[in-house]
Structures are given as C-alpha cells and as structure tokens.
N, C-alpha and C. Protein backbone atom coordinates (compact mmCIF):
# COMPACT_ATOMS: atom_id res chain seq x y z
N UNK A 1 -50.14 22.16 58.06
CA UNK A 1 -50.31 21.90 56.31
C UNK A 1 -50.55 23.19 55.78
N UNK A 2 -51.16 23.96 56.28
CA UNK A 2 -51.53 25.31 55.43
C UNK A 2 -50.42 26.31 55.12
N UNK A 3 -49.64 26.03 56.31
CA UNK A 3 -48.37 26.84 56.21
C UNK A 3 -47.52 26.18 55.28
N UNK A 4 -46.99 25.21 55.36
CA UNK A 4 -45.96 24.11 54.56
C UNK A 4 -46.69 24.58 53.18
N UNK A 5 -47.85 24.62 52.80
CA UNK A 5 -48.19 25.00 51.25
C UNK A 5 -47.70 26.41 50.76
N UNK A 6 -47.98 27.22 51.93
CA UNK A 6 -47.63 28.51 51.78
C UNK A 6 -46.38 29.06 51.56
N UNK A 7 -45.40 28.38 52.21
CA UNK A 7 -43.98 28.22 51.86
C UNK A 7 -43.58 27.62 50.66
N UNK A 8 -43.93 26.72 50.34
CA UNK A 8 -43.58 26.10 48.99
C UNK A 8 -44.37 27.04 47.71
N UNK A 9 -45.44 27.61 47.83
CA UNK A 9 -46.25 28.58 46.90
C UNK A 9 -45.18 29.59 46.60
N UNK A 10 -44.51 30.12 47.93
CA UNK A 10 -43.54 31.35 47.68
C UNK A 10 -42.20 30.94 46.96
N UNK A 11 -41.65 29.73 47.31
CA UNK A 11 -40.50 28.99 46.78
C UNK A 11 -40.69 29.14 45.53
N UNK A 12 -41.80 28.73 45.01
CA UNK A 12 -42.24 28.33 43.48
C UNK A 12 -42.32 29.65 42.73
N UNK A 13 -42.91 30.59 43.37
CA UNK A 13 -43.08 31.83 42.71
C UNK A 13 -41.74 32.64 42.86
N UNK A 14 -40.80 32.29 43.52
CA UNK A 14 -39.75 32.95 43.41
C UNK A 14 -38.81 32.39 42.42
N UNK A 15 -38.78 31.09 42.04
CA UNK A 15 -38.19 30.47 41.22
C UNK A 15 -38.80 30.59 39.65
N UNK A 16 -39.98 31.16 39.50
CA UNK A 16 -40.82 31.64 38.23
C UNK A 16 -40.47 32.80 37.95
N UNK A 17 -39.78 33.75 38.74
CA UNK A 17 -39.52 34.79 38.15
C UNK A 17 -38.14 34.92 37.30
N UNK A 18 -38.24 35.77 36.31
CA UNK A 18 -37.43 35.63 35.10
C UNK A 18 -35.73 36.02 36.10
N UNK A 19 -35.01 35.15 35.56
CA UNK A 19 -33.55 35.52 36.07
C UNK A 19 -32.44 35.04 35.36
N UNK A 20 -30.95 35.54 35.53
CA UNK A 20 -30.02 34.57 34.79
C UNK A 20 -29.12 34.51 36.19
N UNK A 21 -28.15 33.72 35.64
CA UNK A 21 -27.07 33.52 36.63
C UNK A 21 -25.56 33.93 36.01
N UNK A 22 -24.48 34.29 36.85
CA UNK A 22 -23.36 34.61 36.98
C UNK A 22 -22.70 33.79 37.41
N UNK A 23 -21.37 33.32 36.38
CA UNK A 23 -20.52 32.42 37.04
C UNK A 23 -19.10 33.02 37.24
N UNK A 24 -18.47 33.23 38.17
CA UNK A 24 -17.29 33.54 38.27
C UNK A 24 -16.33 32.73 38.64
N UNK A 25 -15.18 32.51 37.69
CA UNK A 25 -14.10 31.77 37.85
C UNK A 25 -12.98 32.15 37.74
N UNK A 26 -12.44 32.26 39.26
CA UNK A 26 -11.02 32.89 39.48
C UNK A 26 -9.83 31.81 39.01
N UNK A 27 -8.71 32.19 39.11
CA UNK A 27 -7.96 31.10 38.87
C UNK A 27 -7.53 30.43 40.37
N UNK A 28 -7.66 31.29 41.70
CA UNK A 28 -7.09 30.45 42.78
C UNK A 28 -8.45 30.36 43.71
N UNK A 29 -9.44 30.35 43.12
CA UNK A 29 -10.97 29.97 44.02
C UNK A 29 -11.80 29.12 43.30
N UNK A 30 -12.94 28.48 44.08
CA UNK A 30 -13.76 27.79 43.60
C UNK A 30 -14.74 28.65 42.57
N UNK A 31 -15.54 28.36 41.65
CA UNK A 31 -16.38 29.05 40.80
C UNK A 31 -17.45 29.51 41.65
N UNK A 32 -17.98 30.65 41.73
CA UNK A 32 -18.81 31.52 42.58
C UNK A 32 -20.24 31.78 41.50
N UNK A 33 -21.39 31.09 42.05
CA UNK A 33 -22.36 31.27 40.72
C UNK A 33 -23.50 32.25 41.73
N UNK A 34 -23.87 33.45 40.92
CA UNK A 34 -25.04 34.41 41.66
C UNK A 34 -25.93 34.31 40.68
N UNK A 35 -27.23 34.13 41.44
CA UNK A 35 -28.55 34.19 40.53
C UNK A 35 -29.00 35.45 40.61
N UNK A 36 -29.51 36.21 39.57
CA UNK A 36 -29.88 37.42 39.65
C UNK A 36 -31.23 37.72 38.76
N UNK A 37 -31.91 38.47 39.46
CA UNK A 37 -33.55 38.63 38.94
C UNK A 37 -33.57 39.61 37.77
N UNK A 38 -34.05 39.37 36.90
CA UNK A 38 -34.04 40.25 35.88
C UNK A 38 -35.28 41.24 36.11
N UNK A 39 -35.10 42.44 36.27
CA UNK A 39 -36.23 43.64 36.57
C UNK A 39 -36.58 44.60 35.57
N UNK A 40 -35.34 44.56 34.65
CA UNK A 40 -35.49 45.72 33.83
C UNK A 40 -34.30 44.97 32.62
N UNK A 41 -34.15 45.79 31.62
CA UNK A 41 -33.35 45.50 30.50
C UNK A 41 -31.73 45.50 31.14
N UNK A 42 -30.91 44.18 30.96
CA UNK A 42 -29.73 44.58 31.43
C UNK A 42 -28.93 43.95 30.26
N UNK A 43 -27.64 44.60 30.15
CA UNK A 43 -26.70 44.68 29.32
C UNK A 43 -25.78 43.95 29.93
N UNK A 44 -24.48 43.32 29.10
CA UNK A 44 -23.27 42.98 29.74
C UNK A 44 -22.73 44.08 30.67
N UNK A 45 -22.71 45.07 30.29
CA UNK A 45 -21.80 46.37 30.94
C UNK A 45 -22.69 46.47 32.27
N UNK A 46 -23.90 46.63 32.44
CA UNK A 46 -24.91 46.52 33.29
C UNK A 46 -24.53 45.57 34.40
N UNK A 47 -24.49 44.24 33.97
CA UNK A 47 -24.16 43.06 34.96
C UNK A 47 -22.80 42.87 35.37
N UNK A 48 -22.07 43.67 35.10
CA UNK A 48 -20.64 43.62 35.20
C UNK A 48 -20.44 44.82 36.46
N UNK A 49 -21.28 45.80 36.12
CA UNK A 49 -21.00 47.06 37.26
C UNK A 49 -22.05 46.72 38.67
N UNK A 50 -23.12 45.83 38.24
CA UNK A 50 -23.70 45.03 39.36
C UNK A 50 -22.95 44.45 40.06
N UNK A 51 -21.79 43.71 39.65
CA UNK A 51 -21.02 42.72 40.22
C UNK A 51 -19.93 43.60 41.13
N UNK A 52 -19.72 44.81 40.89
CA UNK A 52 -18.55 45.51 41.25
C UNK A 52 -17.33 45.23 41.17
N UNK A 53 -17.32 44.58 39.89
CA UNK A 53 -16.02 44.24 39.53
C UNK A 53 -15.41 45.62 38.51
N UNK A 54 -14.06 45.71 38.95
CA UNK A 54 -13.49 46.68 38.02
C UNK A 54 -13.10 46.35 36.61
N UNK A 55 -13.40 47.67 35.46
CA UNK A 55 -12.69 47.14 34.47
C UNK A 55 -11.04 46.62 34.12
N UNK A 56 -10.59 46.98 34.99
CA UNK A 56 -9.08 46.28 34.74
C UNK A 56 -9.09 44.87 35.30
N UNK A 57 -9.92 44.69 36.23
CA UNK A 57 -10.06 42.82 36.63
C UNK A 57 -10.55 42.38 35.80
N UNK A 58 -11.38 42.90 34.39
CA UNK A 58 -12.06 42.15 33.66
C UNK A 58 -11.07 42.19 32.19
N UNK A 59 -9.79 42.98 32.30
CA UNK A 59 -9.28 42.91 31.03
C UNK A 59 -8.50 41.35 31.19
N UNK A 60 -8.26 40.67 32.26
CA UNK A 60 -7.63 39.61 32.20
C UNK A 60 -8.77 38.24 32.45
N UNK A 61 -9.89 38.50 31.91
CA UNK A 61 -10.92 37.54 31.91
C UNK A 61 -11.44 37.44 30.34
N UNK A 62 -12.04 36.32 30.39
CA UNK A 62 -12.76 35.90 29.21
C UNK A 62 -14.10 35.94 29.62
N UNK A 63 -14.87 36.67 28.84
CA UNK A 63 -16.55 36.69 29.04
C UNK A 63 -17.45 35.98 28.15
N UNK A 64 -18.38 35.52 28.32
CA UNK A 64 -19.42 34.83 27.43
C UNK A 64 -20.80 34.64 27.95
N UNK A 65 -21.56 34.23 26.95
CA UNK A 65 -23.00 34.03 27.38
C UNK A 65 -23.53 32.53 26.89
N UNK A 66 -24.08 31.95 27.67
CA UNK A 66 -24.68 30.77 26.92
C UNK A 66 -25.73 30.82 27.49
N UNK A 67 -26.69 30.57 26.25
CA UNK A 67 -28.12 30.75 25.95
C UNK A 67 -28.86 29.71 25.31
N UNK A 68 -29.74 29.56 25.90
CA UNK A 68 -30.72 28.34 25.69
C UNK A 68 -31.27 28.92 24.09
N UNK A 69 -31.31 27.73 23.31
CA UNK A 69 -32.11 27.96 22.04
C UNK A 69 -33.49 27.52 22.22
N UNK A 70 -34.43 28.06 21.44
CA UNK A 70 -35.68 27.51 21.58
C UNK A 70 -35.63 26.14 21.20
N UNK A 71 -35.10 26.23 19.89
CA UNK A 71 -34.99 24.46 19.62
C UNK A 71 -33.51 24.56 18.79
N UNK A 72 -33.00 23.35 19.21
CA UNK A 72 -31.71 23.21 18.53
C UNK A 72 -30.37 23.36 19.80
N UNK A 73 -29.44 23.22 19.46
CA UNK A 73 -28.29 23.53 20.41
C UNK A 73 -28.24 25.16 21.19
N UNK A 74 -27.47 24.98 21.91
CA UNK A 74 -27.57 26.37 22.76
C UNK A 74 -26.44 27.21 22.21
N UNK A 75 -26.55 28.48 22.48
CA UNK A 75 -25.73 29.55 21.73
C UNK A 75 -24.52 29.89 22.57
N UNK A 76 -23.64 30.28 22.21
CA UNK A 76 -22.58 30.80 23.27
C UNK A 76 -21.93 32.06 22.52
N UNK A 77 -22.35 32.95 23.11
CA UNK A 77 -21.82 34.47 22.73
C UNK A 77 -20.78 34.75 23.33
N UNK A 78 -19.94 35.11 22.54
CA UNK A 78 -18.49 35.56 23.03
C UNK A 78 -18.66 37.13 23.16
N UNK A 79 -17.91 37.59 24.39
CA UNK A 79 -18.11 39.26 24.66
C UNK A 79 -16.60 39.64 24.38
N UNK A 80 -16.44 40.81 23.70
CA UNK A 80 -15.31 41.32 23.07
C UNK A 80 -15.12 42.70 24.40
N UNK A 81 -14.69 42.38 25.57
CA UNK A 81 -14.56 43.37 26.57
C UNK A 81 -13.65 44.76 26.34
N UNK A 82 -12.72 44.43 25.49
CA UNK A 82 -11.93 45.51 25.07
C UNK A 82 -12.27 46.17 24.24
N UNK A 83 -12.84 45.65 23.20
CA UNK A 83 -13.84 46.34 22.16
C UNK A 83 -14.81 47.44 22.95
N UNK A 84 -15.51 46.79 23.90
CA UNK A 84 -16.80 47.68 24.51
C UNK A 84 -15.96 48.67 25.45
N UNK A 85 -15.07 48.34 26.07
CA UNK A 85 -14.61 49.27 27.06
C UNK A 85 -13.49 50.25 26.69
N UNK A 86 -12.98 50.18 25.54
CA UNK A 86 -11.74 50.78 24.72
C UNK A 86 -11.88 51.33 23.74
N UNK A 87 -12.99 50.84 22.85
CA UNK A 87 -13.31 51.23 21.53
C UNK A 87 -14.46 51.80 21.31
N UNK A 88 -15.56 51.51 22.31
CA UNK A 88 -16.92 52.14 22.13
C UNK A 88 -17.96 51.13 21.57
N UNK A 89 -17.70 49.94 21.17
CA UNK A 89 -17.97 49.08 20.23
C UNK A 89 -19.21 48.44 21.05
N UNK A 90 -20.29 48.57 20.70
CA UNK A 90 -21.29 47.97 21.46
C UNK A 90 -21.71 46.26 20.83
N UNK A 91 -21.26 46.10 19.71
CA UNK A 91 -22.15 45.00 19.37
C UNK A 91 -21.90 43.53 20.31
N UNK A 92 -21.12 43.43 21.09
CA UNK A 92 -21.06 42.39 21.89
C UNK A 92 -21.39 42.40 23.10
N UNK A 93 -22.10 43.74 23.49
CA UNK A 93 -22.49 44.01 24.87
C UNK A 93 -23.98 43.71 24.63
N UNK A 94 -24.21 42.37 24.63
CA UNK A 94 -25.87 41.73 24.32
C UNK A 94 -26.37 42.16 25.78
N UNK A 95 -28.00 42.09 25.27
CA UNK A 95 -28.97 42.22 26.60
C UNK A 95 -29.00 40.66 26.97
N UNK A 96 -29.16 40.63 28.32
CA UNK A 96 -28.99 39.33 28.95
C UNK A 96 -30.50 39.16 29.03
N UNK A 97 -30.84 37.82 28.58
CA UNK A 97 -32.31 37.30 28.57
C UNK A 97 -32.82 36.29 29.86
N UNK A 98 -33.82 35.93 30.19
CA UNK A 98 -34.25 35.08 31.25
C UNK A 98 -33.49 33.76 30.97
N UNK A 99 -32.80 33.38 31.98
CA UNK A 99 -32.19 31.67 31.50
C UNK A 99 -30.67 31.79 31.05
N UNK A 100 -30.47 32.94 30.77
CA UNK A 100 -28.94 33.18 30.31
C UNK A 100 -27.98 32.64 31.38
N UNK A 101 -26.83 32.19 31.13
CA UNK A 101 -25.70 32.26 31.95
C UNK A 101 -24.49 32.98 31.36
N UNK A 102 -24.08 33.73 32.38
CA UNK A 102 -23.01 34.65 32.14
C UNK A 102 -21.80 34.18 32.83
N UNK A 103 -20.66 34.02 31.86
CA UNK A 103 -19.39 33.25 32.54
C UNK A 103 -18.24 34.37 32.55
N UNK A 104 -17.66 34.67 33.50
CA UNK A 104 -16.30 35.27 33.75
C UNK A 104 -15.20 34.50 34.36
N UNK A 105 -14.40 34.17 33.49
CA UNK A 105 -13.17 33.26 33.68
C UNK A 105 -11.91 33.83 33.29
N UNK A 106 -11.12 34.02 34.66
CA UNK A 106 -9.55 34.27 34.68
C UNK A 106 -9.01 33.51 33.73
N UNK A 107 -7.78 34.42 32.80
CA UNK A 107 -6.85 33.75 32.18
C UNK A 107 -5.79 33.46 32.76
N UNK A 108 -5.02 32.50 32.73
CA UNK A 108 -3.69 32.53 33.29
C UNK A 108 -2.67 33.43 33.01
N UNK A 109 -1.67 34.27 33.53
CA UNK A 109 -0.85 34.75 33.25
C UNK A 109 0.43 33.97 32.33
N UNK A 110 0.75 34.89 31.21
CA UNK A 110 1.53 34.50 30.40
C UNK A 110 2.84 34.18 30.89
C-alpha cells in the first residue's frame, strides 16, 4: 500500500510540473505529440531547435500556438516563420507558456 501511494504521488508531481505540448503533423505520418517541461523561458525558435528540425523543413509548414485563456475562448496565435527566420522580425516568436500547444503542420505541395 505504501509503495503504491509513493508511485501515485510521483506521477501527480510530474503532471503538476509546468509543461507544453508540441503536435507535429506530417503529410504521410500520424500526428506526433511530445510533452515538454518548461524549465526556463522558451520561445518558438527555442522549441523548434529542441525538436531538431531544420529551418528548411519548417518553410513548408504552418506553425501556431493554441493558448488557454483565463476566461473566454482559447487564443490561436499564428507564427510567421518566414518573417522570424528571413527578416529577423520577432513579433510572432511568442514565449511559450505552461499549457500551450504548439502545432507544426505540413502544407501539401502545390
């Protein structure tokens, strides 16, 4: 009984740690979801670098964050990857907050 209680307490403590999820949607594979713990301030570029994705791969993807709002509907924050990487604009290089969901979705070829 005591051992079971300790394991449950450890699982609950791990779930309570601030984290965000990354959802990668490729064209030919099922969605991959990764939970990442927040240990410091993380921006979009930091999160992408941690995924080991090349900027070239991301040129053919749409990126956005879904953020829970304290009250009201959730927010969808579009990321302009080209502006961040090619023009040095950081207005959509959002800081990721606990509970955020970062989506990377491949665009079909034209």
